Amino acid sequence: MTGLLRFDGVTLRRGGRLLFEELDLELVPGERLQVSGPNGSGKSSLIRLIAGVELPTLGTIDRQMTVSWPVGLTGGIGGSMTGNDNIRLICRLYNKPFPIIRDYVEDFAQLGKYLSEPVRSYSAGMRARLNFAVSLAIDFDCYLVDEIITVGDQRFQRRSYEELFERRVDRCLILASHSPEIVRQYCSRALVLHRGRGKLFDDLELALAIYSDL
């Protein structure tokens, strides 16, 4: 089957610390996976592995779908460049027309004149809004989201939900979130990371109950 995202025996160590080991995972387009676990269990590291920002210590990752950069992390945005320069760079990398992508980002992120300012002058919320808007402006098969939906005003949050959960219902979504409401309403499976192990659940209520007891 095409369009798979597969982990085979993936282990990740950072220094002498084991984050998780022998993780097997397979996702197809349209699946919505919630990733949870205590602080330091490797949620953000897992998302970075899927994006290709990090490499596993052991095991293989097979990507047969296009994957976004990690939304909510700052890796996709250059701090010394302006917002517009970042948009221009992304357009060159993905061969997209700058005016169309910029108009989308400007409308979505509502950063106004700050798009002409260096990103290092942005607040954390402004950076996240830019990163999120640029990510959604590019068409990916799989979107990686790291708690980004909590930033911005109600308008931004509402549109974020619409873009991710309604307009992209056929896309794969991997979401690091501890919100039971989001999990119940939007996710199809859950992955709980704890003490170096990852366990997949089709039963979302069971996954939520186990996480609450960690």
C-alpha atoms as a PDB file:
ATOM      1  CA  MET A   1       0.000   0.000   0.000  1.00  0.00           C
ATOM      2  CA  THR A   2       1.305   3.471  -0.844  1.00  0.00           C
ATOM      3  CA  GLY A   3       1.049   6.451   1.451  1.00  0.00           C
ATOM      4  CA  LEU A   4       2.309   4.670   4.550  1.00  0.00           C
ATOM      5  CA  LEU A   5       4.351   6.071   7.402  1.00  0.00           C
ATOM      6  CA  ARG A   6       6.063   3.189   9.190  1.00  0.00           C
ATOM      7  CA  PHE A   7       8.401   2.799  12.176  1.00  0.00           C
ATOM      8  CA  ASP A   8      10.185  -0.555  12.419  1.00  0.00           C
ATOM      9  CA  GLY A   9      11.966  -1.162  15.714  1.00  0.00           C
ATOM     10  CA  VAL A  10      12.844   2.502  16.214  1.00  0.00           C
ATOM     11  CA  THR A  11      15.010   3.320  19.218  1.00  0.00           C
ATOM     12  CA  LEU A  12      16.111   6.802  20.227  1.00  0.00           C
ATOM     13  CA  ARG A  13      18.835   7.573  22.747  1.00  0.00           C
ATOM     14  CA  ARG A  14      20.044  11.044  23.586  1.00  0.00           C
ATOM     15  CA  GLY A  15      23.410  10.901  25.259  1.00  0.00           C
ATOM     16  CA  GLY A  16      23.122   8.076  27.767  1.00  0.00           C
ATOM     17  CA  ARG A  17      19.367   8.481  28.131  1.00  0.00           C
ATOM     18  CA  LEU A  18      16.860   6.157  26.493  1.00  0.00           C
ATOM     19  CA  LEU A  19      13.753   7.980  25.255  1.00  0.00           C
ATOM     20  CA  PHE A  20      12.054   4.969  23.676  1.00  0.00           C
ATOM     21  CA  GLU A  21      13.056   1.663  22.118  1.00  0.00           C
ATOM     22  CA  GLU A  22      11.791  -0.861  19.573  1.00  0.00           C
ATOM     23  CA  LEU A  23       8.839   1.292  18.590  1.00  0.00           C
ATOM     24  CA  ASP A  24       6.682  -0.116  15.785  1.00  0.00           C
ATOM     25  CA  LEU A  25       4.114   2.183  14.206  1.00  0.00           C
ATOM     26  CA  GLU A  26       2.179   2.314  10.946  1.00  0.00           C
ATOM     27  CA  LEU A  27      -0.092   5.135   9.787  1.00  0.00           C
ATOM     28  CA  VAL A  28      -2.089   5.617   6.587  1.00  0.00           C
ATOM     29  CA  PRO A  29      -3.639   8.784   5.102  1.00  0.00           C
ATOM     30  CA  GLY A  30      -6.606  10.040   7.092  1.00  0.00           C
ATOM     31  CA  GLU A  31      -5.427   8.658  10.432  1.00  0.00           C
ATOM     32  CA  ARG A  32      -5.265  11.004  13.421  1.00  0.00           C
ATOM     33  CA  LEU A  33      -2.748   9.896  16.041  1.00  0.00           C
ATOM     34  CA  GLN A  34      -2.508  11.522  19.444  1.00  0.00           C
ATOM     35  CA  VAL A  35       0.867  11.248  21.196  1.00  0.00           C
ATOM     36  CA  SER A  36       0.968  11.613  24.975  1.00  0.00           C
ATOM     37  CA  GLY A  37       3.292  10.892  27.857  1.00  0.00           C
ATOM     38  CA  PRO A  38       4.909  12.564  30.868  1.00  0.00           C
ATOM     39  CA  ASN A  39       7.366  15.413  30.381  1.00  0.00           C
ATOM     40  CA  GLY A  40      10.608  14.055  28.980  1.00  0.00           C
ATOM     41  CA  SER A  41       9.048  10.875  27.591  1.00  0.00           C
ATOM     42  CA  GLY A  42      10.009  11.797  24.016  1.00  0.00           C
ATOM     43  CA  LYS A  43       6.850  13.277  22.456  1.00  0.00           C
ATOM     44  CA  SER A  44       8.581  16.169  20.688  1.00  0.00           C
ATOM     45  CA  SER A  45      11.543  13.933  19.822  1.00  0.00           C
ATOM     46  CA  LEU A  46       9.176  11.465  18.157  1.00  0.00           C
ATOM     47  CA  ILE A  47       7.709  14.258  16.048  1.00  0.00           C
ATOM     48  CA  ARG A  48      11.200  15.413  15.104  1.00  0.00           C
ATOM     49  CA  LEU A  49      12.089  11.862  14.039  1.00  0.00           C
ATOM     50  CA  ILE A  50       9.032  11.662  11.800  1.00  0.00           C
ATOM     51  CA  ALA A  51       9.936  15.020  10.261  1.00  0.00           C
ATOM     52  CA  GLY A  52      13.509  13.901   9.644  1.00  0.00           C
ATOM     53  CA  VAL A  53      14.965  16.564  11.922  1.00  0.00           C
ATOM     54  CA  GLU A  54      16.581  13.797  13.994  1.00  0.00           C
ATOM     55  CA  LEU A  55      17.699  10.286  13.096  1.00  0.00           C
ATOM     56  CA  PRO A  56      16.891   7.166  15.126  1.00  0.00           C
ATOM     57  CA  THR A  57      19.615   5.418  17.083  1.00  0.00           C
ATOM     58  CA  LEU A  58      18.325   2.083  15.780  1.00  0.00           C
ATOM     59  CA  GLY A  59      15.532   0.969  13.481  1.00  0.00           C
ATOM     60  CA  THR A  60      14.096   2.400  10.284  1.00  0.00           C
ATOM     61  CA  ILE A  61      11.485   4.991   9.335  1.00  0.00           C
ATOM     62  CA  ASP A  62       9.741   4.526   5.989  1.00  0.00           C
ATOM     63  CA  ARG A  63       7.987   7.653   4.707  1.00  0.00           C
ATOM     64  CA  GLN A  64       5.806   7.094   1.669  1.00  0.00           C
ATOM     65  CA  MET A  65       3.971  10.356   2.241  1.00  0.00           C
ATOM     66  CA  THR A  66       5.075  13.974   2.376  1.00  0.00           C
ATOM     67  CA  VAL A  67       5.497  15.198   5.939  1.00  0.00           C
ATOM     68  CA  SER A  68       5.402  18.749   7.303  1.00  0.00           C
ATOM     69  CA  TRP A  69       8.082  20.162   9.543  1.00  0.00           C
ATOM     70  CA  PRO A  70       7.154  20.100  13.269  1.00  0.00           C
ATOM     71  CA  VAL A  71       4.575  22.829  13.815  1.00  0.00           C
ATOM     72  CA  GLY A  72       5.166  24.402  17.214  1.00  0.00           C
ATOM     73  CA  LEU A  73       8.935  23.986  17.123  1.00  0.00           C
ATOM     74  CA  THR A  74      11.121  26.803  15.840  1.00  0.00           C
ATOM     75  CA  GLY A  75      13.207  24.674  13.473  1.00  0.00           C
ATOM     76  CA  GLY A  76      11.309  25.649  10.338  1.00  0.00           C
ATOM     77  CA  ILE A  77      11.662  29.400  10.846  1.00  0.00           C
ATOM     78  CA  GLY A  78      14.893  31.415  10.579  1.00  0.00           C
ATOM     79  CA  GLY A  79      15.171  34.040  13.327  1.00  0.00           C
ATOM     80  CA  SER A  80      17.542  36.386  11.517  1.00  0.00           C
ATOM     81  CA  MET A  81      15.245  36.621   8.471  1.00  0.00           C
ATOM     82  CA  THR A  82      11.998  38.532   8.227  1.00  0.00           C
ATOM     83  CA  GLY A  83       8.667  36.755   8.084  1.00  0.00           C
ATOM     84  CA  ASN A  84       8.488  37.517   4.360  1.00  0.00           C
ATOM     85  CA  ASP A  85      12.002  36.162   3.805  1.00  0.00           C
ATOM     86  CA  ASN A  86      11.013  32.932   5.552  1.00  0.00           C
ATOM     87  CA  ILE A  87       7.946  32.640   3.332  1.00  0.00           C
ATOM     88  CA  ARG A  88      10.094  33.304   0.251  1.00  0.00           C
ATOM     89  CA  LEU A  89      12.577  30.593   1.284  1.00  0.00           C
ATOM     90  CA  ILE A  90       9.813  28.041   1.839  1.00  0.00           C
ATOM     91  CA  CYS A  91       8.359  28.911  -1.570  1.00  0.00           C
ATOM     92  CA  ARG A  92      11.711  28.247  -3.221  1.00  0.00           C
ATOM     93  CA  LEU A  93      12.155  24.940  -1.394  1.00  0.00           C
ATOM     94  CA  TYR A  94       8.700  23.686  -2.362  1.00  0.00           C
ATOM     95  CA  ASN A  95       8.441  25.447  -5.729  1.00  0.00           C
ATOM     96  CA  LYS A  96       5.372  27.496  -4.761  1.00  0.00           C
ATOM     97  CA  PRO A  97       4.408  31.012  -5.939  1.00  0.00           C
ATOM     98  CA  PHE A  98       5.402  33.594  -3.348  1.00  0.00           C
ATOM     99  CA  PRO A  99       2.425  35.997  -3.769  1.00  0.00           C
ATOM    100  CA  ILE A 100      -0.167  33.242  -3.228  1.00  0.00           C
ATOM    101  CA  ILE A 101       1.600  31.732  -0.211  1.00  0.00           C
ATOM    102  CA  ARG A 102       2.289  35.130   1.313  1.00  0.00           C
ATOM    103  CA  ASP A 103      -1.361  36.167   0.964  1.00  0.00           C
ATOM    104  CA  TYR A 104      -2.441  32.957   2.691  1.00  0.00           C
ATOM    105  CA  VAL A 105       0.046  33.443   5.551  1.00  0.00           C
ATOM    106  CA  GLU A 106      -0.819  37.111   5.956  1.00  0.00           C
ATOM    107  CA  ASP A 107      -4.531  36.324   6.171  1.00  0.00           C
ATOM    108  CA  PHE A 108      -4.086  33.325   8.457  1.00  0.00           C
ATOM    109  CA  ALA A 109      -1.452  34.575  10.900  1.00  0.00           C
ATOM    110  CA  GLN A 110      -2.594  38.221  11.054  1.00  0.00           C
ATOM    111  CA  LEU A 111       0.947  39.485  11.675  1.00  0.00           C
ATOM    112  CA  GLY A 112       0.568  42.634   9.572  1.00  0.00           C
ATOM    113  CA  LYS A 113       3.664  44.819   9.423  1.00  0.00           C
ATOM    114  CA  TYR A 114       5.633  42.297  11.479  1.00  0.00           C
ATOM    115  CA  LEU A 115       6.051  40.128   8.380  1.00  0.00           C
ATOM    116  CA  SER A 116       8.627  42.719   7.321  1.00  0.00           C
ATOM    117  CA  GLU A 117      10.454  42.460  10.679  1.00  0.00           C
ATOM    118  CA  PRO A 118      13.093  39.887  11.736  1.00  0.00           C
ATOM    119  CA  VAL A 119      11.486  36.840  13.313  1.00  0.00           C
ATOM    120  CA  ARG A 120      13.812  37.156  16.317  1.00  0.00           C
ATOM    121  CA  SER A 121      11.811  40.232  17.316  1.00  0.00           C
ATOM    122  CA  TYR A 122       8.570  38.183  17.455  1.00  0.00           C
ATOM    123  CA  SER A 123       6.996  36.868  20.616  1.00  0.00           C
ATOM    124  CA  ALA A 124       6.816  33.086  20.985  1.00  0.00           C
ATOM    125  CA  GLY A 125       3.142  33.199  20.010  1.00  0.00           C
ATOM    126  CA  MET A 126       3.850  35.245  16.874  1.00  0.00           C
ATOM    127  CA  ARG A 127       6.583  32.802  15.844  1.00  0.00           C
ATOM    128  CA  ALA A 128       4.226  29.892  16.349  1.00  0.00           C
ATOM    129  CA  ARG A 129       1.488  31.579  14.299  1.00  0.00           C
ATOM    130  CA  LEU A 130       3.918  32.200  11.434  1.00  0.00           C
ATOM    131  CA  ASN A 131       5.209  28.628  11.544  1.00  0.00           C
ATOM    132  CA  PHE A 132       1.686  27.226  11.648  1.00  0.00           C
ATOM    133  CA  ALA A 133       0.420  29.426   8.811  1.00  0.00           C
ATOM    134  CA  VAL A 134       3.392  28.641   6.543  1.00  0.00           C
ATOM    135  CA  SER A 135       2.970  24.920   7.244  1.00  0.00           C
ATOM    136  CA  LEU A 136      -0.694  24.966   6.268  1.00  0.00           C
ATOM    137  CA  ALA A 137       0.060  27.022   3.164  1.00  0.00           C
ATOM    138  CA  ILE A 138       2.028  24.027   1.810  1.00  0.00           C
ATOM    139  CA  ASP A 139       0.123  20.882   0.870  1.00  0.00           C
ATOM    140  CA  PHE A 140       1.420  17.878   2.862  1.00  0.00           C
ATOM    141  CA  ASP A 141       0.096  14.338   3.251  1.00  0.00           C
ATOM    142  CA  CYS A 142       0.924  14.365   6.970  1.00  0.00           C
ATOM    143  CA  TYR A 143       0.958  17.263   9.423  1.00  0.00           C
ATOM    144  CA  LEU A 144       2.979  17.209  12.634  1.00  0.00           C
ATOM    145  CA  VAL A 145       1.581  19.383  15.410  1.00  0.00           C
ATOM    146  CA  ASP A 146       3.176  19.977  18.810  1.00  0.00           C
ATOM    147  CA  GLU A 147       0.553  21.710  21.006  1.00  0.00           C
ATOM    148  CA  ILE A 148       0.380  24.707  18.654  1.00  0.00           C
ATOM    149  CA  ILE A 149      -3.394  25.140  18.790  1.00  0.00           C
ATOM    150  CA  THR A 150      -3.178  26.730  22.239  1.00  0.00           C
ATOM    151  CA  VAL A 151      -1.565  29.907  20.855  1.00  0.00           C
ATOM    152  CA  GLY A 152      -3.239  32.953  19.357  1.00  0.00           C
ATOM    153  CA  ASP A 153      -6.643  34.500  19.843  1.00  0.00           C
ATOM    154  CA  GLN A 154      -9.996  32.753  19.415  1.00  0.00           C
ATOM    155  CA  ARG A 155     -10.127  33.593  15.694  1.00  0.00           C
ATOM    156  CA  PHE A 156      -6.727  32.006  15.099  1.00  0.00           C
ATOM    157  CA  GLN A 157      -7.547  28.931  17.165  1.00  0.00           C
ATOM    158  CA  ARG A 158     -10.920  28.450  15.458  1.00  0.00           C
ATOM    159  CA  ARG A 159      -9.404  28.698  11.991  1.00  0.00           C
ATOM    160  CA  SER A 160      -6.598  26.344  13.002  1.00  0.00           C
ATOM    161  CA  TYR A 161      -9.142  23.715  13.976  1.00  0.00           C
ATOM    162  CA  GLU A 162     -11.035  24.205  10.722  1.00  0.00           C
ATOM    163  CA  GLU A 163      -7.911  23.900   8.588  1.00  0.00           C
ATOM    164  CA  LEU A 164      -6.536  20.834  10.369  1.00  0.00           C
ATOM    165  CA  PHE A 165      -9.592  18.830  11.330  1.00  0.00           C
ATOM    166  CA  GLU A 166     -12.198  19.751   8.720  1.00  0.00           C
ATOM    167  CA  ARG A 167     -10.544  20.835   5.463  1.00  0.00           C
ATOM    168  CA  ARG A 168      -7.760  18.249   5.734  1.00  0.00           C
ATOM    169  CA  VAL A 169      -9.839  15.320   6.873  1.00  0.00           C
ATOM    170  CA  ASP A 170      -8.124  13.059   4.308  1.00  0.00           C
ATOM    171  CA  ARG A 171      -4.628  13.875   5.610  1.00  0.00           C
ATOM    172  CA  CYS A 172      -2.648  12.131   8.308  1.00  0.00           C
ATOM    173  CA  LEU A 173      -2.227  14.104  11.542  1.00  0.00           C
ATOM    174  CA  ILE A 174       0.157  13.414  14.404  1.00  0.00           C
ATOM    175  CA  LEU A 175      -0.711  15.585  17.376  1.00  0.00           C
ATOM    176  CA  ALA A 176       1.134  15.858  20.690  1.00  0.00           C
ATOM    177  CA  SER A 177      -1.720  16.914  22.949  1.00  0.00           C
ATOM    178  CA  HIS A 178      -2.955  16.189  26.455  1.00  0.00           C
ATOM    179  CA  SER A 179      -6.427  17.568  25.857  1.00  0.00           C
ATOM    180  CA  PRO A 180      -9.079  14.832  26.335  1.00  0.00           C
ATOM    181  CA  GLU A 181     -11.576  16.902  24.327  1.00  0.00           C
ATOM    182  CA  ILE A 182      -9.291  17.069  21.283  1.00  0.00           C
ATOM    183  CA  VAL A 183      -8.482  13.362  21.530  1.00  0.00           C
ATOM    184  CA  ARG A 184     -12.118  12.264  21.794  1.00  0.00           C
ATOM    185  CA  GLN A 185     -13.357  14.542  19.034  1.00  0.00           C
ATOM    186  CA  TYR A 186     -10.602  14.309  16.445  1.00  0.00           C
ATOM    187  CA  CYS A 187      -8.203  11.388  16.989  1.00  0.00           C
ATOM    188  CA  SER A 188      -8.569   7.809  15.778  1.00  0.00           C
ATOM    189  CA  ARG A 189      -5.722   6.233  17.772  1.00  0.00           C
ATOM    190  CA  ALA A 190      -3.398   7.142  20.621  1.00  0.00           C
ATOM    191  CA  LEU A 191       0.247   6.450  21.388  1.00  0.00           C
ATOM    192  CA  VAL A 192       1.338   6.660  25.038  1.00  0.00           C
ATOM    193  CA  LEU A 193       5.078   7.004  25.706  1.00  0.00           C
ATOM    194  CA  HIS A 194       6.360   6.030  29.154  1.00  0.00           C
ATOM    195  CA  ARG A 195       9.661   4.757  30.532  1.00  0.00           C
ATOM    196  CA  GLY A 196      11.202   4.007  27.170  1.00  0.00           C
ATOM    197  CA  ARG A 197       8.201   2.228  25.715  1.00  0.00           C
ATOM    198  CA  GLY A 198       5.425   3.261  23.356  1.00  0.00           C
ATOM    199  CA  LYS A 199       2.028   1.575  23.374  1.00  0.00           C
ATOM    200  CA  LEU A 200      -0.633   2.087  20.693  1.00  0.00           C
ATOM    201  CA  PHE A 201      -4.319   2.191  21.596  1.00  0.00           C
ATOM    202  CA  ASP A 202      -7.409   1.944  19.405  1.00  0.00           C
ATOM    203  CA  ASP A 203      -9.471   2.526  22.561  1.00  0.00           C
ATOM    204  CA  LEU A 204      -9.051   6.254  23.193  1.00  0.00           C
ATOM    205  CA  GLU A 205     -10.746   6.167  26.605  1.00  0.00           C
ATOM    206  CA  LEU A 206      -8.328   3.494  27.788  1.00  0.00           C
ATOM    207  CA  ALA A 207      -5.368   5.533  26.524  1.00  0.00           C
ATOM    208  CA  LEU A 208      -6.632   8.628  28.346  1.00  0.00           C
ATOM    209  CA  ALA A 209      -7.164   6.659  31.553  1.00  0.00           C
ATOM    210  CA  ILE A 210      -3.666   5.150  31.405  1.00  0.00           C
ATOM    211  CA  TYR A 211      -2.072   8.524  30.741  1.00  0.00           C
ATOM    212  CA  SER A 212      -3.936  10.132  33.656  1.00  0.00           C
ATOM    213  CA  ASP A 213      -2.479   7.471  35.973  1.00  0.00           C
ATOM    214  CA  LEU A 214       1.145   8.043  34.932  1.00  0.00           C
END
